[in-house]
Amino acid sequence: MKNLKTLLHSVFLIFFLVPGFANAQNSEALARFIVSESENSFLISWTIKAGFSCSDVVVEHSSDGINYNPVYRYPGICGVIGSDETYSFIHKVPKNGANYYKMDLGYSGNSEPLSVNFVDTRKDGFVIYPMPIQDHSTIAFTSGSYAFSLMIINHSGKVVYREDNIRGSEFPLGKLGLEKGIYHFTLANGNVSYSGTFIR
């Protein structure tokens, strides 16, 4: 996997996306394979080298990097003799968290997989991914410029973690070393409050 870049930013104050730009190739026919953010979707583009052709090209998607499903099939034959030829597809329904893409070029082989992150906080104001909580799990939230306080309570009602003055729009839940179980959290400041449940 080459060149994975992620950056968290706000769109319309209530939408968050970790836009990714990733570039890979593996098949000898593939000059370029790129996944990049396009509004609330991912633009997948690929370039077939001059002199190569392929048919029934498939873009595959996975949320775990292991199990892939086709999300697009290019109809017909692609590629031309005299020049590189570029094609694209917009994946409009990426999953919250990690998204993996790869190209199946049929007899011309497969690309290396690419990974980009997508986080949509429009529904609840926050998203926790991946879940259940792992070492790299994060809570992303709509923050504006306000500092937040985080309180985590275990299933017995005991406060097991509290932190004030959290700035930014994400917090690394996976780094807290919580025991396995179900937890309730409140993330609040003077203007906004989010609450929910997560599993470790």
C-alpha atoms as a PDB file:
ATOM      1  CA  MET A   1       0.000   0.000   0.000  1.00  0.00           C
ATOM      2  CA  LYS A   2       1.424   3.372  -0.973  1.00  0.00           C
ATOM      3  CA  ASN A   3       0.793   6.889   0.131  1.00  0.00           C
ATOM      4  CA  LEU A   4      -2.180   6.863   2.521  1.00  0.00           C
ATOM      5  CA  LYS A   5      -3.167  10.350   3.641  1.00  0.00           C
ATOM      6  CA  THR A   6      -6.029  11.174   5.984  1.00  0.00           C
ATOM      7  CA  LEU A   7      -7.233  14.502   7.321  1.00  0.00           C
ATOM      8  CA  LEU A   8     -10.283  15.215   9.460  1.00  0.00           C
ATOM      9  CA  HIS A   9     -12.253  18.294   8.484  1.00  0.00           C
ATOM     10  CA  SER A  10     -15.733  19.725   8.835  1.00  0.00           C
ATOM     11  CA  VAL A  11     -18.212  20.146   6.018  1.00  0.00           C
ATOM     12  CA  PHE A  12     -21.255  22.365   6.657  1.00  0.00           C
ATOM     13  CA  LEU A  13     -20.437  22.349  10.395  1.00  0.00           C
ATOM     14  CA  ILE A  14     -22.258  19.039  11.014  1.00  0.00           C
ATOM     15  CA  PHE A  15     -20.605  16.673   8.558  1.00  0.00           C
ATOM     16  CA  PHE A  16     -17.215  15.130   9.088  1.00  0.00           C
ATOM     17  CA  LEU A  17     -15.222  13.181   6.578  1.00  0.00           C
ATOM     18  CA  VAL A  18     -11.763  11.799   6.891  1.00  0.00           C
ATOM     19  CA  PRO A  19     -10.844  12.268   3.263  1.00  0.00           C
ATOM     20  CA  GLY A  20      -8.371   9.819   1.960  1.00  0.00           C
ATOM     21  CA  PHE A  21      -6.072   9.931  -0.951  1.00  0.00           C
ATOM     22  CA  ALA A  22      -4.471   6.631  -1.721  1.00  0.00           C
ATOM     23  CA  ASN A  23      -2.560   5.421  -4.743  1.00  0.00           C
ATOM     24  CA  ALA A  24      -1.577   1.874  -5.668  1.00  0.00           C
ATOM     25  CA  GLN A  25      -0.940  -0.383  -8.575  1.00  0.00           C
ATOM     26  CA  ASN A  26       0.178  -3.959  -8.956  1.00  0.00           C
ATOM     27  CA  SER A  27      -1.092  -5.270 -12.267  1.00  0.00           C
ATOM     28  CA  GLU A  28       1.266  -4.614 -15.184  1.00  0.00           C
ATOM     29  CA  ALA A  29      -1.686  -3.134 -17.098  1.00  0.00           C
ATOM     30  CA  LEU A  30      -2.466  -0.583 -14.381  1.00  0.00           C
ATOM     31  CA  ALA A  31      -0.644   2.756 -14.584  1.00  0.00           C
ATOM     32  CA  ARG A  32      -2.537   4.321 -11.686  1.00  0.00           C
ATOM     33  CA  PHE A  33      -5.214   3.427  -9.118  1.00  0.00           C
ATOM     34  CA  ILE A  34      -6.401   6.256  -6.848  1.00  0.00           C
ATOM     35  CA  VAL A  35      -9.163   6.657  -4.257  1.00  0.00           C
ATOM     36  CA  SER A  36      -9.940  10.223  -3.191  1.00  0.00           C
ATOM     37  CA  GLU A  37     -12.669  12.072  -1.305  1.00  0.00           C
ATOM     38  CA  SER A  38     -15.452  13.594  -3.398  1.00  0.00           C
ATOM     39  CA  GLU A  39     -18.016  15.403  -1.214  1.00  0.00           C
ATOM     40  CA  ASN A  40     -19.567  12.622   0.919  1.00  0.00           C
ATOM     41  CA  SER A  41     -18.406   9.863  -1.429  1.00  0.00           C
ATOM     42  CA  PHE A  42     -15.177   8.361  -2.740  1.00  0.00           C
ATOM     43  CA  LEU A  43     -13.970   8.840  -6.311  1.00  0.00           C
ATOM     44  CA  ILE A  44     -12.211   5.725  -7.569  1.00  0.00           C
ATOM     45  CA  SER A  45     -10.136   6.282 -10.695  1.00  0.00           C
ATOM     46  CA  TRP A  46      -7.760   4.036 -12.570  1.00  0.00           C
ATOM     47  CA  THR A  47      -5.577   4.350 -15.642  1.00  0.00           C
ATOM     48  CA  ILE A  48      -4.852   1.507 -18.047  1.00  0.00           C
ATOM     49  CA  LYS A  49      -1.406   1.700 -19.672  1.00  0.00           C
ATOM     50  CA  ALA A  50      -1.128   2.281 -23.416  1.00  0.00           C
ATOM     51  CA  GLY A  51      -1.102  -0.988 -25.327  1.00  0.00           C
ATOM     52  CA  PHE A  52      -2.985  -2.960 -22.675  1.00  0.00           C
ATOM     53  CA  SER A  53      -6.630  -3.917 -22.702  1.00  0.00           C
ATOM     54  CA  CYS A  54      -8.952  -5.488 -20.167  1.00  0.00           C
ATOM     55  CA  SER A  55     -12.574  -6.534 -19.942  1.00  0.00           C
ATOM     56  CA  ASP A  56     -15.094  -6.802 -17.126  1.00  0.00           C
ATOM     57  CA  VAL A  57     -13.011  -4.668 -14.769  1.00  0.00           C
ATOM     58  CA  VAL A  58     -14.465  -4.808 -11.246  1.00  0.00           C
ATOM     59  CA  VAL A  59     -14.030  -2.327  -8.381  1.00  0.00           C
ATOM     60  CA  GLU A  60     -14.281  -4.226  -5.088  1.00  0.00           C
ATOM     61  CA  HIS A  61     -14.991  -2.795  -1.619  1.00  0.00           C
ATOM     62  CA  SER A  62     -14.419  -4.108   1.903  1.00  0.00           C
ATOM     63  CA  SER A  63     -14.968  -2.723   5.390  1.00  0.00           C
ATOM     64  CA  ASP A  64     -12.476  -5.131   6.998  1.00  0.00           C
ATOM     65  CA  GLY A  65      -9.752  -5.511   4.343  1.00  0.00           C
ATOM     66  CA  ILE A  66     -10.493  -9.245   4.059  1.00  0.00           C
ATOM     67  CA  ASN A  67     -13.968  -9.798   2.617  1.00  0.00           C
ATOM     68  CA  TYR A  68     -14.513  -7.854  -0.619  1.00  0.00           C
ATOM     69  CA  ASN A  69     -17.707  -7.308  -2.605  1.00  0.00           C
ATOM     70  CA  PRO A  70     -18.062  -5.828  -6.092  1.00  0.00           C
ATOM     71  CA  VAL A  71     -19.441  -2.270  -6.156  1.00  0.00           C
ATOM     72  CA  TYR A  72     -18.888  -1.496  -9.845  1.00  0.00           C
ATOM     73  CA  ARG A  73     -18.249  -3.397 -13.072  1.00  0.00           C
ATOM     74  CA  TYR A  74     -16.963  -1.517 -16.133  1.00  0.00           C
ATOM     75  CA  PRO A  75     -18.985  -2.750 -19.103  1.00  0.00           C
ATOM     76  CA  GLY A  76     -16.998  -3.912 -22.098  1.00  0.00           C
ATOM     77  CA  ILE A  77     -13.349  -3.590 -23.017  1.00  0.00           C
ATOM     78  CA  CYS A  78     -11.089  -0.847 -21.656  1.00  0.00           C
ATOM     79  CA  GLY A  79      -7.683   0.399 -22.793  1.00  0.00           C
ATOM     80  CA  VAL A  80      -6.330   1.710 -26.105  1.00  0.00           C
ATOM     81  CA  ILE A  81      -3.145   1.078 -28.069  1.00  0.00           C
ATOM     82  CA  GLY A  82      -1.704   4.594 -28.435  1.00  0.00           C
ATOM     83  CA  SER A  83      -2.175   6.211 -25.010  1.00  0.00           C
ATOM     84  CA  ASP A  84      -3.014   5.668 -21.359  1.00  0.00           C
ATOM     85  CA  GLU A  85      -6.769   5.649 -20.729  1.00  0.00           C
ATOM     86  CA  THR A  86      -8.391   6.776 -17.436  1.00  0.00           C
ATOM     87  CA  TYR A  87     -11.732   5.600 -16.018  1.00  0.00           C
ATOM     88  CA  SER A  88     -13.606   6.493 -12.840  1.00  0.00           C
ATOM     89  CA  PHE A  89     -16.484   5.529 -10.579  1.00  0.00           C
ATOM     90  CA  ILE A  90     -18.055   7.259  -7.551  1.00  0.00           C
ATOM     91  CA  HIS A  91     -18.821   5.058  -4.544  1.00  0.00           C
ATOM     92  CA  LYS A  92     -21.717   6.923  -2.929  1.00  0.00           C
ATOM     93  CA  VAL A  93     -22.239   4.733   0.138  1.00  0.00           C
ATOM     94  CA  PRO A  94     -18.915   4.158   1.925  1.00  0.00           C
ATOM     95  CA  LYS A  95     -19.055   2.742   5.455  1.00  0.00           C
ATOM     96  CA  ASN A  96     -18.128   4.726   8.556  1.00  0.00           C
ATOM     97  CA  GLY A  97     -14.526   3.958   9.449  1.00  0.00           C
ATOM     98  CA  ALA A  98     -12.045   2.148   7.236  1.00  0.00           C
ATOM     99  CA  ASN A  99     -12.934   1.445   3.612  1.00  0.00           C
ATOM    100  CA  TYR A 100     -10.754  -0.770   1.420  1.00  0.00           C
ATOM    101  CA  TYR A 101     -10.794  -0.826  -2.376  1.00  0.00           C
ATOM    102  CA  LYS A 102      -9.075  -2.957  -4.977  1.00  0.00           C
ATOM    103  CA  MET A 103      -9.334  -3.542  -8.719  1.00  0.00           C
ATOM    104  CA  ASP A 104      -9.927  -6.904 -10.372  1.00  0.00           C
ATOM    105  CA  LEU A 105      -8.633  -6.535 -13.932  1.00  0.00           C
ATOM    106  CA  GLY A 106      -9.494 -10.073 -14.993  1.00  0.00           C
ATOM    107  CA  TYR A 107      -6.660 -11.720 -16.927  1.00  0.00           C
ATOM    108  CA  SER A 108      -4.502  -8.613 -16.279  1.00  0.00           C
ATOM    109  CA  GLY A 109      -4.394  -9.288 -12.527  1.00  0.00           C
ATOM    110  CA  ASN A 110      -5.366  -7.337  -9.422  1.00  0.00           C
ATOM    111  CA  SER A 111      -4.306  -4.059  -7.876  1.00  0.00           C
ATOM    112  CA  GLU A 112      -2.947  -3.659  -4.382  1.00  0.00           C
ATOM    113  CA  PRO A 113      -5.735  -2.746  -1.919  1.00  0.00           C
ATOM    114  CA  LEU A 114      -6.127   0.886  -0.839  1.00  0.00           C
ATOM    115  CA  SER A 115      -7.494   2.052   2.518  1.00  0.00           C
ATOM    116  CA  VAL A 116      -9.283   5.339   3.253  1.00  0.00           C
ATOM    117  CA  ASN A 117     -11.371   6.441   6.256  1.00  0.00           C
ATOM    118  CA  PHE A 118     -14.878   7.875   6.168  1.00  0.00           C
ATOM    119  CA  VAL A 119     -16.660   9.413   9.157  1.00  0.00           C
ATOM    120  CA  ASP A 120     -20.199  10.814   8.955  1.00  0.00           C
ATOM    121  CA  THR A 121     -21.430  12.504  12.155  1.00  0.00           C
ATOM    122  CA  ARG A 122     -24.596  14.010  10.661  1.00  0.00           C
ATOM    123  CA  LYS A 123     -27.063  11.621  12.315  1.00  0.00           C
ATOM    124  CA  ASP A 124     -26.007  11.614  15.987  1.00  0.00           C
ATOM    125  CA  GLY A 125     -23.266  14.241  16.144  1.00  0.00           C
ATOM    126  CA  PHE A 126     -20.652  11.536  16.783  1.00  0.00           C
ATOM    127  CA  VAL A 127     -19.390   8.228  15.413  1.00  0.00           C
ATOM    128  CA  ILE A 128     -17.285   5.570  17.151  1.00  0.00           C
ATOM    129  CA  TYR A 129     -15.205   3.365  14.869  1.00  0.00           C
ATOM    130  CA  PRO A 130     -14.342   0.581  14.750  1.00  0.00           C
ATOM    131  CA  MET A 131     -16.715  -1.034  17.222  1.00  0.00           C
ATOM    132  CA  PRO A 132     -16.329  -3.052  19.444  1.00  0.00           C
ATOM    133  CA  ILE A 133     -13.501  -0.853  20.736  1.00  0.00           C
ATOM    134  CA  GLN A 134     -10.013  -1.853  19.621  1.00  0.00           C
ATOM    135  CA  ASP A 135      -6.613  -0.292  20.326  1.00  0.00           C
ATOM    136  CA  HIS A 136      -7.009   2.160  17.422  1.00  0.00           C
ATOM    137  CA  SER A 137     -10.721   3.011  17.935  1.00  0.00           C
ATOM    138  CA  THR A 138     -11.711   6.669  17.831  1.00  0.00           C
ATOM    139  CA  ILE A 139     -14.751   8.766  18.617  1.00  0.00           C
ATOM    140  CA  ALA A 140     -15.212  11.531  16.031  1.00  0.00           C
ATOM    141  CA  PHE A 141     -17.653  14.301  16.860  1.00  0.00           C
ATOM    142  CA  THR A 142     -18.954  17.650  15.677  1.00  0.00           C
ATOM    143  CA  SER A 143     -17.056  20.128  17.813  1.00  0.00           C
ATOM    144  CA  GLY A 144     -16.803  23.555  16.255  1.00  0.00           C
ATOM    145  CA  SER A 145     -14.232  25.460  18.327  1.00  0.00           C
ATOM    146  CA  TYR A 146     -15.439  24.403  21.781  1.00  0.00           C
ATOM    147  CA  ALA A 147     -13.591  22.311  24.372  1.00  0.00           C
ATOM    148  CA  PHE A 148     -15.437  19.187  25.552  1.00  0.00           C
ATOM    149  CA  SER A 149     -15.501  17.054  28.693  1.00  0.00           C
ATOM    150  CA  LEU A 150     -15.694  13.264  28.352  1.00  0.00           C
ATOM    151  CA  MET A 151     -17.102  10.990  31.054  1.00  0.00           C
ATOM    152  CA  ILE A 152     -17.215   7.191  30.686  1.00  0.00           C
ATOM    153  CA  ILE A 153     -19.347   5.054  33.024  1.00  0.00           C
ATOM    154  CA  ASN A 154     -19.252   1.251  33.294  1.00  0.00           C
ATOM    155  CA  HIS A 155     -22.278  -1.093  33.486  1.00  0.00           C
ATOM    156  CA  SER A 156     -22.358  -0.694  37.316  1.00  0.00           C
ATOM    157  CA  GLY A 157     -22.702   3.090  37.082  1.00  0.00           C
ATOM    158  CA  LYS A 158     -19.130   3.818  38.182  1.00  0.00           C
ATOM    159  CA  VAL A 159     -17.190   6.609  36.464  1.00  0.00           C
ATOM    160  CA  VAL A 160     -14.116   4.863  35.037  1.00  0.00           C
ATOM    161  CA  TYR A 161     -12.691   7.757  33.012  1.00  0.00           C
ATOM    162  CA  ARG A 162     -13.058  11.518  32.906  1.00  0.00           C
ATOM    163  CA  GLU A 163     -11.174  14.136  30.925  1.00  0.00           C
ATOM    164  CA  ASP A 164     -11.841  17.854  30.514  1.00  0.00           C
ATOM    165  CA  ASN A 165     -10.702  20.405  27.949  1.00  0.00           C
ATOM    166  CA  ILE A 166     -10.716  18.040  24.956  1.00  0.00           C
ATOM    167  CA  ARG A 167     -10.104  20.083  21.819  1.00  0.00           C
ATOM    168  CA  GLY A 168     -10.420  19.044  18.205  1.00  0.00           C
ATOM    169  CA  SER A 169     -12.987  16.694  16.748  1.00  0.00           C
ATOM    170  CA  GLU A 170     -11.761  13.232  17.716  1.00  0.00           C
ATOM    171  CA  PHE A 171     -10.597  11.305  20.759  1.00  0.00           C
ATOM    172  CA  PRO A 172      -8.675   7.973  20.881  1.00  0.00           C
ATOM    173  CA  LEU A 173     -10.996   5.719  22.927  1.00  0.00           C
ATOM    174  CA  GLY A 174      -8.882   2.664  22.152  1.00  0.00           C
ATOM    175  CA  LYS A 175      -5.911   4.070  24.100  1.00  0.00           C
ATOM    176  CA  LEU A 176      -7.773   4.115  27.443  1.00  0.00           C
ATOM    177  CA  GLY A 177      -7.137   0.445  28.285  1.00  0.00           C
ATOM    178  CA  LEU A 178     -10.710  -0.220  29.401  1.00  0.00           C
ATOM    179  CA  GLU A 179     -11.707  -3.733  30.464  1.00  0.00           C
ATOM    180  CA  LYS A 180     -14.106  -5.705  28.277  1.00  0.00           C
ATOM    181  CA  GLY A 181     -17.702  -4.674  28.810  1.00  0.00           C
ATOM    182  CA  ILE A 182     -20.447  -2.201  27.929  1.00  0.00           C
ATOM    183  CA  TYR A 183     -19.879   1.490  28.649  1.00  0.00           C
ATOM    184  CA  HIS A 184     -21.990   4.630  28.537  1.00  0.00           C
ATOM    185  CA  PHE A 185     -20.374   7.970  27.733  1.00  0.00           C
ATOM    186  CA  THR A 186     -21.242  11.646  27.781  1.00  0.00           C
ATOM    187  CA  LEU A 187     -19.298  14.160  25.715  1.00  0.00           C
ATOM    188  CA  ALA A 188     -20.395  17.707  26.504  1.00  0.00           C
ATOM    189  CA  ASN A 189     -19.610  21.388  26.744  1.00  0.00           C
ATOM    190  CA  GLY A 190     -21.800  24.354  27.652  1.00  0.00           C
ATOM    191  CA  ASN A 191     -23.569  24.299  24.274  1.00  0.00           C
ATOM    192  CA  VAL A 192     -23.763  20.686  23.072  1.00  0.00           C
ATOM    193  CA  SER A 193     -24.019  17.250  24.666  1.00  0.00           C
ATOM    194  CA  TYR A 194     -23.635  13.833  23.036  1.00  0.00           C
ATOM    195  CA  SER A 195     -24.207  10.528  24.775  1.00  0.00           C
ATOM    196  CA  GLY A 196     -24.173   6.907  23.755  1.00  0.00           C
ATOM    197  CA  THR A 197     -22.997   3.397  24.462  1.00  0.00           C
ATOM    198  CA  PHE A 198     -20.027   1.416  23.233  1.00  0.00           C
ATOM    199  CA  ILE A 199     -18.626  -2.086  23.693  1.00  0.00           C
ATOM    200  CA  ARG A 200     -15.044  -2.952  24.548  1.00  0.00           C
END
